[in-house]
Amino acid sequence: MEINKKMLIGEILDVNPKIANVLLASGMHCIGCMMASGETLEQACAVHGIDCDELVERINTMLAE
């Protein structure tokens, strides 16, 4: 399955819990908070000042390995 920026954080973590490591490494330290489960990756990246397209690419690369 390929991740996209319109997916909810909760959905993304359901795909593969190891994605949490990529999110944490990028500076997204609130993945366990209540808001994160209902936020899209794009929304979370905007709040944290993270390049969403780059993060999606990193996640999908990790999943492909």
PDB file of N, CA and C in Angstrom:
ATOM      1  N   MET A   1       0.838  -1.176   0.000  1.00  0.00           N
ATOM      2  CA  MET A   1       0.000   0.000   0.000  1.00  0.00           C
ATOM      3  C   MET A   1       0.884   1.241   0.000  1.00  0.00           C
ATOM      4  N   GLU A   2       0.498   2.227  -0.769  1.00  0.00           N
ATOM      5  CA  GLU A   2       1.257   3.474  -0.840  1.00  0.00           C
ATOM      6  C   GLU A   2       0.567   4.539   0.015  1.00  0.00           C
ATOM      7  N   ILE A   3       1.367   5.275   0.738  1.00  0.00           N
ATOM      8  CA  ILE A   3       0.882   6.345   1.606  1.00  0.00           C
ATOM      9  C   ILE A   3       0.744   7.623   0.782  1.00  0.00           C
ATOM     10  N   ASN A   4      -0.287   8.417   1.113  1.00  0.00           N
ATOM     11  CA  ASN A   4      -0.416   9.732   0.484  1.00  0.00           C
ATOM     12  C   ASN A   4      -0.740  10.773   1.547  1.00  0.00           C
ATOM     13  N   LYS A   5      -0.587  12.030   1.199  1.00  0.00           N
ATOM     14  CA  LYS A   5      -0.711  13.112   2.181  1.00  0.00           C
ATOM     15  C   LYS A   5      -2.139  13.375   2.631  1.00  0.00           C
ATOM     16  N   LYS A   6      -3.121  12.792   1.980  1.00  0.00           N
ATOM     17  CA  LYS A   6      -4.525  12.968   2.363  1.00  0.00           C
ATOM     18  C   LYS A   6      -4.982  11.934   3.389  1.00  0.00           C
ATOM     19  N   MET A   7      -4.114  10.967   3.692  1.00  0.00           N
ATOM     20  CA  MET A   7      -4.454   9.928   4.668  1.00  0.00           C
ATOM     21  C   MET A   7      -4.338  10.475   6.080  1.00  0.00           C
ATOM     22  N   LEU A   8      -5.188   9.960   6.964  1.00  0.00           N
ATOM     23  CA  LEU A   8      -5.108  10.326   8.380  1.00  0.00           C
ATOM     24  C   LEU A   8      -3.876   9.675   9.007  1.00  0.00           C
ATOM     25  N   ILE A   9      -3.313  10.353   9.991  1.00  0.00           N
ATOM     26  CA  ILE A   9      -2.135   9.814  10.690  1.00  0.00           C
ATOM     27  C   ILE A   9      -2.458   8.423  11.243  1.00  0.00           C
ATOM     28  N   GLY A  10      -3.635   8.272  11.835  1.00  0.00           N
ATOM     29  CA  GLY A  10      -4.036   6.980  12.380  1.00  0.00           C
ATOM     30  C   GLY A  10      -4.061   5.888  11.327  1.00  0.00           C
ATOM     31  N   GLU A  11      -4.556   6.204  10.136  1.00  0.00           N
ATOM     32  CA  GLU A  11      -4.589   5.232   9.037  1.00  0.00           C
ATOM     33  C   GLU A  11      -3.175   4.850   8.613  1.00  0.00           C
ATOM     34  N   ILE A  12      -2.323   5.841   8.559  1.00  0.00           N
ATOM     35  CA  ILE A  12      -0.940   5.602   8.140  1.00  0.00           C
ATOM     36  C   ILE A  12      -0.235   4.669   9.118  1.00  0.00           C
ATOM     37  N   LEU A  13      -0.431   4.901  10.400  1.00  0.00           N
ATOM     38  CA  LEU A  13       0.213   4.054  11.405  1.00  0.00           C
ATOM     39  C   LEU A  13      -0.369   2.646  11.402  1.00  0.00           C
ATOM     40  N   ASP A  14      -1.637   2.507  10.990  1.00  0.00           N
ATOM     41  CA  ASP A  14      -2.236   1.176  10.869  1.00  0.00           C
ATOM     42  C   ASP A  14      -1.605   0.374   9.739  1.00  0.00           C
ATOM     43  N   VAL A  15      -1.133   1.068   8.699  1.00  0.00           N
ATOM     44  CA  VAL A  15      -0.481   0.386   7.571  1.00  0.00           C
ATOM     45  C   VAL A  15       0.778  -0.318   8.051  1.00  0.00           C
ATOM     46  N   ASN A  16       1.578   0.396   8.831  1.00  0.00           N
ATOM     47  CA  ASN A  16       2.819  -0.170   9.356  1.00  0.00           C
ATOM     48  C   ASN A  16       3.265   0.680  10.541  1.00  0.00           C
ATOM     49  N   PRO A  17       3.234   0.125  11.744  1.00  0.00           N
ATOM     50  CA  PRO A  17       3.625   0.895  12.930  1.00  0.00           C
ATOM     51  C   PRO A  17       5.040   1.484  12.876  1.00  0.00           C
ATOM     52  N   LYS A  18       5.913   0.899  12.043  1.00  0.00           N
ATOM     53  CA  LYS A  18       7.288   1.406  11.931  1.00  0.00           C
ATOM     54  C   LYS A  18       7.331   2.782  11.268  1.00  0.00           C
ATOM     55  N   ILE A  19       6.237   3.184  10.638  1.00  0.00           N
ATOM     56  CA  ILE A  19       6.165   4.522  10.050  1.00  0.00           C
ATOM     57  C   ILE A  19       6.319   5.575  11.144  1.00  0.00           C
ATOM     58  N   ALA A  20       5.945   5.233  12.359  1.00  0.00           N
ATOM     59  CA  ALA A  20       6.095   6.160  13.482  1.00  0.00           C
ATOM     60  C   ALA A  20       7.542   6.621  13.608  1.00  0.00           C
ATOM     61  N   ASN A  21       8.496   5.737  13.352  1.00  0.00           N
ATOM     62  CA  ASN A  21       9.917   6.106  13.443  1.00  0.00           C
ATOM     63  C   ASN A  21      10.273   7.182  12.426  1.00  0.00           C
ATOM     64  N   VAL A  22       9.711   7.086  11.225  1.00  0.00           N
ATOM     65  CA  VAL A  22       9.972   8.082  10.183  1.00  0.00           C
ATOM     66  C   VAL A  22       9.352   9.422  10.591  1.00  0.00           C
ATOM     67  N   LEU A  23       8.127   9.371  11.115  1.00  0.00           N
ATOM     68  CA  LEU A  23       7.455  10.596  11.548  1.00  0.00           C
ATOM     69  C   LEU A  23       8.226  11.265  12.692  1.00  0.00           C
ATOM     70  N   LEU A  24       8.643  10.473  13.658  1.00  0.00           N
ATOM     71  CA  LEU A  24       9.402  11.017  14.789  1.00  0.00           C
ATOM     72  C   LEU A  24      10.724  11.620  14.328  1.00  0.00           C
ATOM     73  N   ALA A  25      11.408  10.946  13.426  1.00  0.00           N
ATOM     74  CA  ALA A  25      12.696  11.438  12.923  1.00  0.00           C
ATOM     75  C   ALA A  25      12.547  12.740  12.147  1.00  0.00           C
ATOM     76  N   SER A  26      11.367  12.964  11.593  1.00  0.00           N
ATOM     77  CA  SER A  26      11.143  14.192  10.822  1.00  0.00           C
ATOM     78  C   SER A  26      10.732  15.360  11.707  1.00  0.00           C
ATOM     79  N   GLY A  27      10.519  15.103  12.996  1.00  0.00           N
ATOM     80  CA  GLY A  27      10.147  16.173  13.917  1.00  0.00           C
ATOM     81  C   GLY A  27       8.692  16.167  14.326  1.00  0.00           C
ATOM     82  N   MET A  28       7.963  15.164  13.929  1.00  0.00           N
ATOM     83  CA  MET A  28       6.549  15.061  14.271  1.00  0.00           C
ATOM     84  C   MET A  28       6.431  14.216  15.544  1.00  0.00           C
ATOM     85  N   HIS A  29       6.562  14.866  16.683  1.00  0.00           N
ATOM     86  CA  HIS A  29       6.615  14.162  17.964  1.00  0.00           C
ATOM     87  C   HIS A  29       5.258  13.979  18.621  1.00  0.00           C
ATOM     88  N   CYS A  30       4.200  14.427  17.977  1.00  0.00           N
ATOM     89  CA  CYS A  30       2.874  14.351  18.601  1.00  0.00           C
ATOM     90  C   CYS A  30       2.019  13.242  18.004  1.00  0.00           C
ATOM     91  N   ILE A  31       2.617  12.235  17.422  1.00  0.00           N
ATOM     92  CA  ILE A  31       1.840  11.211  16.727  1.00  0.00           C
ATOM     93  C   ILE A  31       0.919  10.430  17.654  1.00  0.00           C
ATOM     94  N   GLY A  32       1.172  10.454  18.936  1.00  0.00           N
ATOM     95  CA  GLY A  32       0.320   9.734  19.876  1.00  0.00           C
ATOM     96  C   GLY A  32      -0.798  10.570  20.461  1.00  0.00           C
ATOM     97  N   CYS A  33      -0.844  11.848  20.139  1.00  0.00           N
ATOM     98  CA  CYS A  33      -1.877  12.698  20.736  1.00  0.00           C
ATOM     99  C   CYS A  33      -3.222  12.472  20.054  1.00  0.00           C
ATOM    100  N   MET A  34      -4.297  12.879  20.712  1.00  0.00           N
ATOM    101  CA  MET A  34      -5.654  12.669  20.193  1.00  0.00           C
ATOM    102  C   MET A  34      -5.858  13.334  18.834  1.00  0.00           C
ATOM    103  N   MET A  35      -5.344  14.515  18.644  1.00  0.00           N
ATOM    104  CA  MET A  35      -5.541  15.238  17.390  1.00  0.00           C
ATOM    105  C   MET A  35      -4.874  14.526  16.218  1.00  0.00           C
ATOM    106  N   ALA A  36      -3.771  13.881  16.468  1.00  0.00           N
ATOM    107  CA  ALA A  36      -3.015  13.249  15.379  1.00  0.00           C
ATOM    108  C   ALA A  36      -3.819  12.166  14.678  1.00  0.00           C
ATOM    109  N   SER A  37      -4.628  11.444  15.413  1.00  0.00           N
ATOM    110  CA  SER A  37      -5.373  10.352  14.789  1.00  0.00           C
ATOM    111  C   SER A  37      -6.426  10.861  13.813  1.00  0.00           C
ATOM    112  N   GLY A  38      -6.898  12.097  13.988  1.00  0.00           N
ATOM    113  CA  GLY A  38      -7.903  12.656  13.111  1.00  0.00           C
ATOM    114  C   GLY A  38      -7.378  13.664  12.111  1.00  0.00           C
ATOM    115  N   GLU A  39      -6.079  13.853  12.090  1.00  0.00           N
ATOM    116  CA  GLU A  39      -5.434  14.806  11.180  1.00  0.00           C
ATOM    117  C   GLU A  39      -4.865  14.085   9.966  1.00  0.00           C
ATOM    118  N   THR A  40      -4.925  14.735   8.811  1.00  0.00           N
ATOM    119  CA  THR A  40      -4.239  14.163   7.649  1.00  0.00           C
ATOM    120  C   THR A  40      -2.747  14.420   7.798  1.00  0.00           C
ATOM    121  N   LEU A  41      -1.973  13.679   7.062  1.00  0.00           N
ATOM    122  CA  LEU A  41      -0.528  13.891   7.079  1.00  0.00           C
ATOM    123  C   LEU A  41      -0.216  15.305   6.601  1.00  0.00           C
ATOM    124  N   GLU A  42      -0.947  15.759   5.605  1.00  0.00           N
ATOM    125  CA  GLU A  42      -0.741  17.106   5.070  1.00  0.00           C
ATOM    126  C   GLU A  42      -0.999  18.167   6.138  1.00  0.00           C
ATOM    127  N   GLN A  43      -2.062  18.020   6.919  1.00  0.00           N
ATOM    128  CA  GLN A  43      -2.369  18.979   7.982  1.00  0.00           C
ATOM    129  C   GLN A  43      -1.286  18.967   9.055  1.00  0.00           C
ATOM    130  N   ALA A  44      -0.862  17.781   9.453  1.00  0.00           N
ATOM    131  CA  ALA A  44       0.165  17.665  10.482  1.00  0.00           C
ATOM    132  C   ALA A  44       1.484  18.276  10.010  1.00  0.00           C
ATOM    133  N   CYS A  45       1.830  18.057   8.758  1.00  0.00           N
ATOM    134  CA  CYS A  45       3.063  18.631   8.217  1.00  0.00           C
ATOM    135  C   CYS A  45       2.987  20.153   8.212  1.00  0.00           C
ATOM    136  N   ALA A  46       1.835  20.691   7.868  1.00  0.00           N
ATOM    137  CA  ALA A  46       1.670  22.149   7.850  1.00  0.00           C
ATOM    138  C   ALA A  46       1.864  22.732   9.237  1.00  0.00           C
ATOM    139  N   VAL A  47       1.322  22.073  10.238  1.00  0.00           N
ATOM    140  CA  VAL A  47       1.450  22.552  11.624  1.00  0.00           C
ATOM    141  C   VAL A  47       2.904  22.512  12.081  1.00  0.00           C
ATOM    142  N   HIS A  48       3.626  21.505  11.646  1.00  0.00           N
ATOM    143  CA  HIS A  48       5.003  21.308  12.110  1.00  0.00           C
ATOM    144  C   HIS A  48       6.061  21.866  11.158  1.00  0.00           C
ATOM    145  N   GLY A  49       5.634  22.479  10.065  1.00  0.00           N
ATOM    146  CA  GLY A  49       6.594  23.069   9.128  1.00  0.00           C
ATOM    147  C   GLY A  49       7.445  22.036   8.404  1.00  0.00           C
ATOM    148  N   ILE A  50       6.839  20.903   8.082  1.00  0.00           N
ATOM    149  CA  ILE A  50       7.548  19.800   7.429  1.00  0.00           C
ATOM    150  C   ILE A  50       7.110  19.725   5.971  1.00  0.00           C
ATOM    151  N   ASP A  51       8.051  19.482   5.071  1.00  0.00           N
ATOM    152  CA  ASP A  51       7.737  19.307   3.656  1.00  0.00           C
ATOM    153  C   ASP A  51       7.002  17.972   3.496  1.00  0.00           C
ATOM    154  N   CYS A  52       5.713  18.051   3.222  1.00  0.00           N
ATOM    155  CA  CYS A  52       4.866  16.859   3.185  1.00  0.00           C
ATOM    156  C   CYS A  52       5.233  15.913   2.045  1.00  0.00           C
ATOM    157  N   ASP A  53       5.504  16.450   0.876  1.00  0.00           N
ATOM    158  CA  ASP A  53       5.851  15.596  -0.264  1.00  0.00           C
ATOM    159  C   ASP A  53       7.124  14.809   0.001  1.00  0.00           C
ATOM    160  N   GLU A  54       8.092  15.455   0.616  1.00  0.00           N
ATOM    161  CA  GLU A  54       9.346  14.783   0.960  1.00  0.00           C
ATOM    162  C   GLU A  54       9.104  13.682   1.995  1.00  0.00           C
ATOM    163  N   LEU A  55       8.257  13.973   2.974  1.00  0.00           N
ATOM    164  CA  LEU A  55       7.958  12.988   4.012  1.00  0.00           C
ATOM    165  C   LEU A  55       7.217  11.786   3.423  1.00  0.00           C
ATOM    166  N   VAL A  56       6.262  12.023   2.553  1.00  0.00           N
ATOM    167  CA  VAL A  56       5.532  10.934   1.895  1.00  0.00           C
ATOM    168  C   VAL A  56       6.514  10.055   1.120  1.00  0.00           C
ATOM    169  N   GLU A  57       7.447  10.681   0.437  1.00  0.00           N
ATOM    170  CA  GLU A  57       8.448   9.924  -0.318  1.00  0.00           C
ATOM    171  C   GLU A  57       9.303   9.059   0.612  1.00  0.00           C
ATOM    172  N   ARG A  58       9.727   9.617   1.741  1.00  0.00           N
ATOM    173  CA  ARG A  58      10.525   8.850   2.703  1.00  0.00           C
ATOM    174  C   ARG A  58       9.737   7.662   3.255  1.00  0.00           C
ATOM    175  N   ILE A  59       8.470   7.897   3.582  1.00  0.00           N
ATOM    176  CA  ILE A  59       7.637   6.821   4.116  1.00  0.00           C
ATOM    177  C   ILE A  59       7.474   5.715   3.075  1.00  0.00           C
ATOM    178  N   ASN A  60       7.138   6.084   1.856  1.00  0.00           N
ATOM    179  CA  ASN A  60       6.925   5.085   0.815  1.00  0.00           C
ATOM    180  C   ASN A  60       8.206   4.331   0.456  1.00  0.00           C
ATOM    181  N   THR A  61       9.338   5.013   0.540  1.00  0.00           N
ATOM    182  CA  THR A  61      10.629   4.343   0.321  1.00  0.00           C
ATOM    183  C   THR A  61      10.859   3.305   1.405  1.00  0.00           C
ATOM    184  N   MET A  62      10.577   3.673   2.648  1.00  0.00           N
ATOM    185  CA  MET A  62      10.734   2.733   3.771  1.00  0.00           C
ATOM    186  C   MET A  62       9.812   1.532   3.588  1.00  0.00           C
ATOM    187  N   LEU A  63       8.592   1.758   3.158  1.00  0.00           N
ATOM    188  CA  LEU A  63       7.650   0.656   2.974  1.00  0.00           C
ATOM    189  C   LEU A  63       8.076  -0.274   1.842  1.00  0.00           C
ATOM    190  N   ALA A  64       8.726   0.273   0.832  1.00  0.00           N
ATOM    191  CA  ALA A  64       9.158  -0.521  -0.326  1.00  0.00           C
ATOM    192  C   ALA A  64      10.345  -1.424   0.004  1.00  0.00           C
ATOM    193  N   GLU A  65      11.087  -1.081   1.043  1.00  0.00           N
ATOM    194  CA  GLU A  65      12.290  -1.850   1.385  1.00  0.00           C
ATOM    195  C   GLU A  65      11.951  -3.141   2.099  1.00  0.00           C
TER     196      GLU A  65
END
